[in-house]
Amino acid sequence: GINAEYGRVVTCTMSGKCTGKLPGDCAPFYNPVCATNGASYINSCVASQFGLEAQLHYKLCSAIDTCANAKCPTGQVCRPKRQSCINLKHSSPCPQYECESPTTNCEGEDLEPV
């Protein structure tokens, strides 16, 4: 796939071997990580080239339950809200969820038969 920050195409086989120029001296192997910016990277070495080694999950971001550790205020529920944050310095959080009031009925909605 294309690594947006790096801007090059890298192709990986089902066995995990990748072809294409990776940044730095990173080995061309596919062992995906999800960084705190919400983006998936081919491996932890590639993520570290962008200063993202601090908090990595060793799986694709799409495989992570974004609400598992969410702390929503009382009376609100967690809803996944996937995003990739541009800020590589991580001075601000990049939440992958949002808290909102639960919808318990359809009162006030225009309804149509199903």
N, C-alpha and C. Protein backbone atom coordinates (compact mmCIF):
# COMPACT_ATOMS: atom_id res chain seq x y z
N GLY A 1 0.82 -1.18 0.00
CA GLY A 1 0.00 0.00 0.00
C GLY A 1 0.86 1.24 0.00
N ILE A 2 0.23 2.39 -0.07
CA ILE A 2 0.94 3.65 -0.08
C ILE A 2 1.03 4.19 1.34
N ASN A 3 2.21 4.54 1.76
CA ASN A 3 2.40 5.20 3.04
C ASN A 3 2.30 6.69 2.77
N ALA A 4 1.22 7.33 3.22
CA ALA A 4 0.93 8.72 2.86
C ALA A 4 2.04 9.67 3.25
N GLU A 5 2.61 9.49 4.45
CA GLU A 5 3.66 10.41 4.87
C GLU A 5 4.93 10.24 4.05
N TYR A 6 5.23 9.00 3.65
CA TYR A 6 6.45 8.72 2.92
C TYR A 6 6.26 8.94 1.43
N GLY A 7 5.04 8.69 0.93
CA GLY A 7 4.70 8.97 -0.46
C GLY A 7 5.24 7.97 -1.46
N ARG A 8 5.56 6.75 -1.04
CA ARG A 8 6.05 5.74 -1.97
C ARG A 8 5.18 4.50 -1.86
N VAL A 9 5.20 3.70 -2.91
CA VAL A 9 4.42 2.46 -2.92
C VAL A 9 5.31 1.31 -2.48
N VAL A 10 4.81 0.54 -1.54
CA VAL A 10 5.50 -0.66 -1.07
C VAL A 10 4.50 -1.80 -1.19
N THR A 11 4.93 -2.92 -1.78
CA THR A 11 4.05 -4.07 -1.97
C THR A 11 4.51 -5.21 -1.07
N CYS A 12 3.56 -5.83 -0.35
CA CYS A 12 3.89 -6.94 0.54
C CYS A 12 3.12 -8.18 0.12
N THR A 13 3.78 -9.34 0.19
CA THR A 13 3.13 -10.60 -0.15
C THR A 13 2.44 -11.17 1.09
N MET A 14 1.65 -12.22 0.91
CA MET A 14 0.96 -12.88 2.02
C MET A 14 1.97 -13.47 3.02
N SER A 15 3.18 -13.78 2.57
CA SER A 15 4.19 -14.34 3.47
C SER A 15 4.86 -13.26 4.32
N GLY A 16 4.58 -11.98 4.02
CA GLY A 16 5.13 -10.89 4.81
C GLY A 16 6.36 -10.23 4.21
N LYS A 17 6.82 -10.68 3.04
CA LYS A 17 7.97 -10.08 2.37
C LYS A 17 7.51 -8.88 1.56
N CYS A 18 8.20 -7.74 1.72
CA CYS A 18 7.81 -6.52 1.03
C CYS A 18 8.88 -6.11 0.02
N THR A 19 8.43 -5.46 -1.05
CA THR A 19 9.34 -4.90 -2.04
C THR A 19 9.06 -3.42 -2.15
N GLY A 20 10.09 -2.68 -2.47
CA GLY A 20 9.95 -1.23 -2.55
C GLY A 20 10.89 -0.60 -1.54
N LYS A 21 11.24 0.64 -1.73
CA LYS A 21 12.19 1.33 -0.84
C LYS A 21 11.48 1.81 0.41
N LEU A 22 11.92 1.32 1.55
CA LEU A 22 11.41 1.76 2.84
C LEU A 22 12.33 2.85 3.37
N PRO A 23 11.83 3.74 4.23
CA PRO A 23 12.68 4.80 4.77
C PRO A 23 13.76 4.24 5.70
N GLY A 24 14.86 4.96 5.81
CA GLY A 24 15.93 4.55 6.71
C GLY A 24 16.49 3.20 6.31
N ASP A 25 16.88 2.41 7.29
CA ASP A 25 17.40 1.07 7.05
C ASP A 25 16.38 0.02 7.45
N CYS A 26 15.11 0.32 7.30
CA CYS A 26 14.06 -0.61 7.73
C CYS A 26 14.05 -1.87 6.87
N ALA A 27 13.88 -3.01 7.54
CA ALA A 27 13.79 -4.29 6.85
C ALA A 27 12.47 -4.38 6.09
N PRO A 28 12.49 -4.97 4.91
CA PRO A 28 11.27 -5.04 4.09
C PRO A 28 10.35 -6.20 4.48
N PHE A 29 9.83 -6.16 5.71
CA PHE A 29 8.91 -7.19 6.18
C PHE A 29 7.63 -6.55 6.68
N TYR A 30 6.52 -7.25 6.44
CA TYR A 30 5.19 -6.75 6.83
C TYR A 30 4.82 -7.30 8.19
N ASN A 31 4.83 -6.45 9.18
CA ASN A 31 4.38 -6.77 10.53
C ASN A 31 3.67 -5.50 11.01
N PRO A 32 2.41 -5.29 10.57
CA PRO A 32 1.74 -4.00 10.73
C PRO A 32 1.60 -3.52 12.17
N VAL A 33 1.72 -2.20 12.31
CA VAL A 33 1.53 -1.55 13.61
C VAL A 33 0.58 -0.37 13.43
N CYS A 34 -0.13 -0.07 14.49
CA CYS A 34 -1.01 1.09 14.52
C CYS A 34 -0.37 2.10 15.46
N ALA A 35 -0.11 3.29 14.97
CA ALA A 35 0.52 4.33 15.77
C ALA A 35 -0.52 5.21 16.43
N THR A 36 -0.07 6.03 17.37
CA THR A 36 -0.99 6.90 18.11
C THR A 36 -1.62 7.97 17.23
N ASN A 37 -1.14 8.15 16.00
CA ASN A 37 -1.76 9.12 15.10
C ASN A 37 -2.92 8.50 14.33
N GLY A 38 -3.24 7.23 14.59
CA GLY A 38 -4.37 6.57 13.94
C GLY A 38 -4.03 5.94 12.60
N ALA A 39 -2.77 5.99 12.19
CA ALA A 39 -2.36 5.42 10.90
C ALA A 39 -1.66 4.08 11.10
N SER A 40 -1.87 3.17 10.14
CA SER A 40 -1.19 1.89 10.14
C SER A 40 0.10 2.01 9.34
N TYR A 41 1.17 1.36 9.81
CA TYR A 41 2.45 1.36 9.14
C TYR A 41 2.88 -0.08 8.89
N ILE A 42 3.72 -0.29 7.87
CA ILE A 42 4.15 -1.62 7.46
C ILE A 42 4.82 -2.37 8.61
N ASN A 43 5.64 -1.68 9.38
CA ASN A 43 6.29 -2.29 10.54
C ASN A 43 6.72 -1.19 11.51
N SER A 44 7.19 -1.59 12.68
CA SER A 44 7.53 -0.61 13.71
C SER A 44 8.73 0.25 13.30
N CYS A 45 9.63 -0.27 12.50
CA CYS A 45 10.77 0.52 12.04
C CYS A 45 10.30 1.69 11.20
N VAL A 46 9.36 1.44 10.28
CA VAL A 46 8.85 2.51 9.43
C VAL A 46 8.15 3.56 10.29
N ALA A 47 7.36 3.13 11.27
CA ALA A 47 6.68 4.08 12.17
C ALA A 47 7.71 4.91 12.93
N SER A 48 8.81 4.28 13.34
CA SER A 48 9.82 5.00 14.10
C SER A 48 10.53 6.06 13.26
N GLN A 49 10.55 5.89 11.94
CA GLN A 49 11.16 6.89 11.06
C GLN A 49 10.39 8.21 11.10
N PHE A 50 9.15 8.14 11.55
CA PHE A 50 8.32 9.33 11.67
C PHE A 50 8.14 9.75 13.13
N GLY A 51 8.94 9.17 14.02
CA GLY A 51 8.89 9.53 15.43
C GLY A 51 7.70 8.96 16.16
N LEU A 52 7.19 7.83 15.70
CA LEU A 52 5.96 7.27 16.26
C LEU A 52 6.18 6.00 17.08
N GLU A 53 7.39 5.76 17.55
CA GLU A 53 7.67 4.51 18.25
C GLU A 53 7.14 4.47 19.68
N ALA A 54 6.74 5.60 20.24
CA ALA A 54 6.34 5.66 21.64
C ALA A 54 5.17 4.74 21.98
N GLN A 55 4.11 4.79 21.21
CA GLN A 55 2.94 3.96 21.52
C GLN A 55 2.46 3.29 20.24
N LEU A 56 2.84 2.04 20.08
CA LEU A 56 2.42 1.27 18.92
C LEU A 56 1.62 0.06 19.35
N HIS A 57 0.62 -0.28 18.56
CA HIS A 57 -0.13 -1.51 18.74
C HIS A 57 0.26 -2.40 17.57
N TYR A 58 0.61 -3.64 17.82
CA TYR A 58 1.09 -4.52 16.76
C TYR A 58 -0.07 -5.20 16.03
N LYS A 59 -0.81 -4.38 15.31
CA LYS A 59 -1.91 -4.82 14.44
C LYS A 59 -2.36 -3.62 13.64
N LEU A 60 -3.18 -3.85 12.63
CA LEU A 60 -3.73 -2.75 11.85
C LEU A 60 -4.66 -1.92 12.72
N CYS A 61 -4.73 -0.63 12.48
CA CYS A 61 -5.60 0.24 13.27
C CYS A 61 -7.07 -0.20 13.17
N SER A 62 -7.46 -0.71 12.02
CA SER A 62 -8.85 -1.13 11.85
C SER A 62 -9.22 -2.33 12.73
N ALA A 63 -8.22 -3.04 13.26
CA ALA A 63 -8.48 -4.20 14.11
C ALA A 63 -8.57 -3.85 15.59
N ILE A 64 -8.40 -2.58 15.93
CA ILE A 64 -8.41 -2.16 17.33
C ILE A 64 -9.79 -1.65 17.72
N ASP A 65 -10.29 -2.10 18.86
CA ASP A 65 -11.56 -1.61 19.40
C ASP A 65 -11.29 -0.25 20.03
N THR A 66 -11.68 0.80 19.33
CA THR A 66 -11.36 2.17 19.78
C THR A 66 -12.10 2.57 21.04
N CYS A 67 -13.14 1.85 21.41
CA CYS A 67 -13.92 2.20 22.60
C CYS A 67 -13.55 1.36 23.82
N ALA A 68 -12.63 0.42 23.68
CA ALA A 68 -12.30 -0.48 24.78
C ALA A 68 -11.85 0.25 26.04
N ASN A 69 -11.06 1.29 25.90
CA ASN A 69 -10.54 2.02 27.07
C ASN A 69 -11.04 3.46 27.11
N ALA A 70 -12.10 3.75 26.39
CA ALA A 70 -12.64 5.11 26.36
C ALA A 70 -13.27 5.46 27.70
N LYS A 71 -13.12 6.71 28.08
CA LYS A 71 -13.71 7.20 29.33
C LYS A 71 -14.70 8.31 28.98
N CYS A 72 -15.94 7.91 28.74
CA CYS A 72 -16.98 8.87 28.41
C CYS A 72 -17.68 9.34 29.69
N PRO A 73 -18.17 10.57 29.69
CA PRO A 73 -18.91 11.08 30.84
C PRO A 73 -20.15 10.22 31.12
N THR A 74 -20.60 10.24 32.35
CA THR A 74 -21.79 9.48 32.74
C THR A 74 -22.97 9.89 31.85
N GLY A 75 -23.67 8.90 31.34
CA GLY A 75 -24.84 9.15 30.50
C GLY A 75 -24.51 9.22 29.01
N GLN A 76 -23.23 9.12 28.65
CA GLN A 76 -22.85 9.14 27.25
C GLN A 76 -22.25 7.79 26.86
N VAL A 77 -22.28 7.49 25.56
CA VAL A 77 -21.73 6.24 25.05
C VAL A 77 -20.60 6.54 24.07
N CYS A 78 -19.75 5.57 23.92
CA CYS A 78 -18.62 5.70 22.99
C CYS A 78 -19.03 5.25 21.61
N ARG A 79 -18.63 6.01 20.60
CA ARG A 79 -18.83 5.66 19.20
C ARG A 79 -17.47 5.76 18.51
N PRO A 80 -17.06 4.72 17.76
CA PRO A 80 -15.79 4.81 17.03
C PRO A 80 -15.79 5.99 16.06
N LYS A 81 -14.67 6.67 15.98
CA LYS A 81 -14.50 7.78 15.03
C LYS A 81 -13.05 7.72 14.57
N ARG A 82 -12.80 6.90 13.56
CA ARG A 82 -11.43 6.70 13.08
C ARG A 82 -10.93 7.94 12.37
N GLN A 83 -9.69 8.31 12.67
CA GLN A 83 -9.06 9.45 12.02
C GLN A 83 -7.55 9.28 12.06
N SER A 84 -6.87 9.88 11.11
CA SER A 84 -5.42 9.92 11.12
C SER A 84 -5.02 11.35 11.39
N CYS A 85 -4.19 11.55 12.39
CA CYS A 85 -3.79 12.90 12.77
C CYS A 85 -2.46 13.25 12.12
N ILE A 86 -2.37 14.45 11.62
CA ILE A 86 -1.19 14.92 10.92
C ILE A 86 -0.06 15.27 11.89
N ASN A 87 -0.38 15.69 13.09
CA ASN A 87 0.60 16.18 14.05
C ASN A 87 1.53 15.05 14.48
N LEU A 88 2.74 15.03 13.95
CA LEU A 88 3.69 13.97 14.28
C LEU A 88 4.40 14.20 15.61
N LYS A 89 4.26 15.36 16.19
CA LYS A 89 4.91 15.65 17.46
C LYS A 89 4.09 15.13 18.65
N HIS A 90 2.86 14.76 18.42
CA HIS A 90 1.97 14.19 19.44
C HIS A 90 1.79 15.07 20.66
N SER A 91 1.82 16.39 20.46
CA SER A 91 1.59 17.28 21.59
C SER A 91 0.11 17.33 21.94
N SER A 92 -0.73 16.88 21.05
CA SER A 92 -2.16 16.80 21.34
C SER A 92 -2.63 15.39 21.04
N PRO A 93 -3.63 14.90 21.78
CA PRO A 93 -4.10 13.52 21.57
C PRO A 93 -4.80 13.37 20.22
N CYS A 94 -4.89 12.15 19.78
CA CYS A 94 -5.57 11.82 18.53
C CYS A 94 -6.62 10.76 18.83
N PRO A 95 -7.73 11.15 19.48
CA PRO A 95 -8.74 10.16 19.87
C PRO A 95 -9.36 9.48 18.65
N GLN A 96 -9.60 8.20 18.79
CA GLN A 96 -10.20 7.41 17.72
C GLN A 96 -11.66 7.09 18.04
N TYR A 97 -12.24 7.89 18.93
CA TYR A 97 -13.64 7.72 19.33
C TYR A 97 -14.20 9.08 19.72
N GLU A 98 -15.52 9.11 19.89
CA GLU A 98 -16.18 10.30 20.44
C GLU A 98 -17.27 9.84 21.39
N CYS A 99 -17.56 10.65 22.37
CA CYS A 99 -18.61 10.35 23.33
C CYS A 99 -19.84 11.15 22.95
N GLU A 100 -20.98 10.50 22.99
CA GLU A 100 -22.23 11.19 22.65
C GLU A 100 -23.38 10.61 23.45
N SER A 101 -24.46 11.36 23.49
CA SER A 101 -25.66 10.89 24.18
C SER A 101 -26.28 9.77 23.37
N PRO A 102 -26.71 8.72 24.05
CA PRO A 102 -27.33 7.60 23.32
C PRO A 102 -28.69 7.98 22.76
N THR A 103 -29.00 7.42 21.60
CA THR A 103 -30.33 7.61 21.01
C THR A 103 -31.19 6.46 21.48
N THR A 104 -32.22 6.77 22.23
CA THR A 104 -33.06 5.71 22.78
C THR A 104 -34.37 5.54 22.01
N ASN A 105 -34.77 6.56 21.28
CA ASN A 105 -35.99 6.42 20.48
C ASN A 105 -35.89 7.34 19.27
N CYS A 106 -36.90 7.35 18.46
CA CYS A 106 -36.89 8.13 17.23
C CYS A 106 -37.80 9.34 17.35
N GLU A 107 -38.06 9.77 18.56
CA GLU A 107 -38.94 10.90 18.78
C GLU A 107 -38.44 12.14 18.05
N GLY A 108 -39.33 12.77 17.35
CA GLY A 108 -38.98 13.98 16.60
C GLY A 108 -38.37 13.73 15.24
N GLU A 109 -38.25 12.45 14.83
CA GLU A 109 -37.67 12.13 13.53
C GLU A 109 -38.78 11.88 12.52
N ASP A 110 -38.52 12.24 11.25
CA ASP A 110 -39.44 11.90 10.17
C ASP A 110 -39.22 10.44 9.83
N LEU A 111 -40.22 9.62 10.03
CA LEU A 111 -40.08 8.19 9.81
C LEU A 111 -40.81 7.75 8.56
N GLU A 112 -40.24 6.78 7.88
CA GLU A 112 -40.87 6.19 6.69
C GLU A 112 -40.95 4.69 6.91
N PRO A 113 -41.96 4.03 6.30
CA PRO A 113 -42.06 2.60 6.45
C PRO A 113 -40.86 1.89 5.84
N VAL A 114 -40.52 0.74 6.41
CA VAL A 114 -39.38 -0.03 5.91
C VAL A 114 -39.85 -1.12 5.00
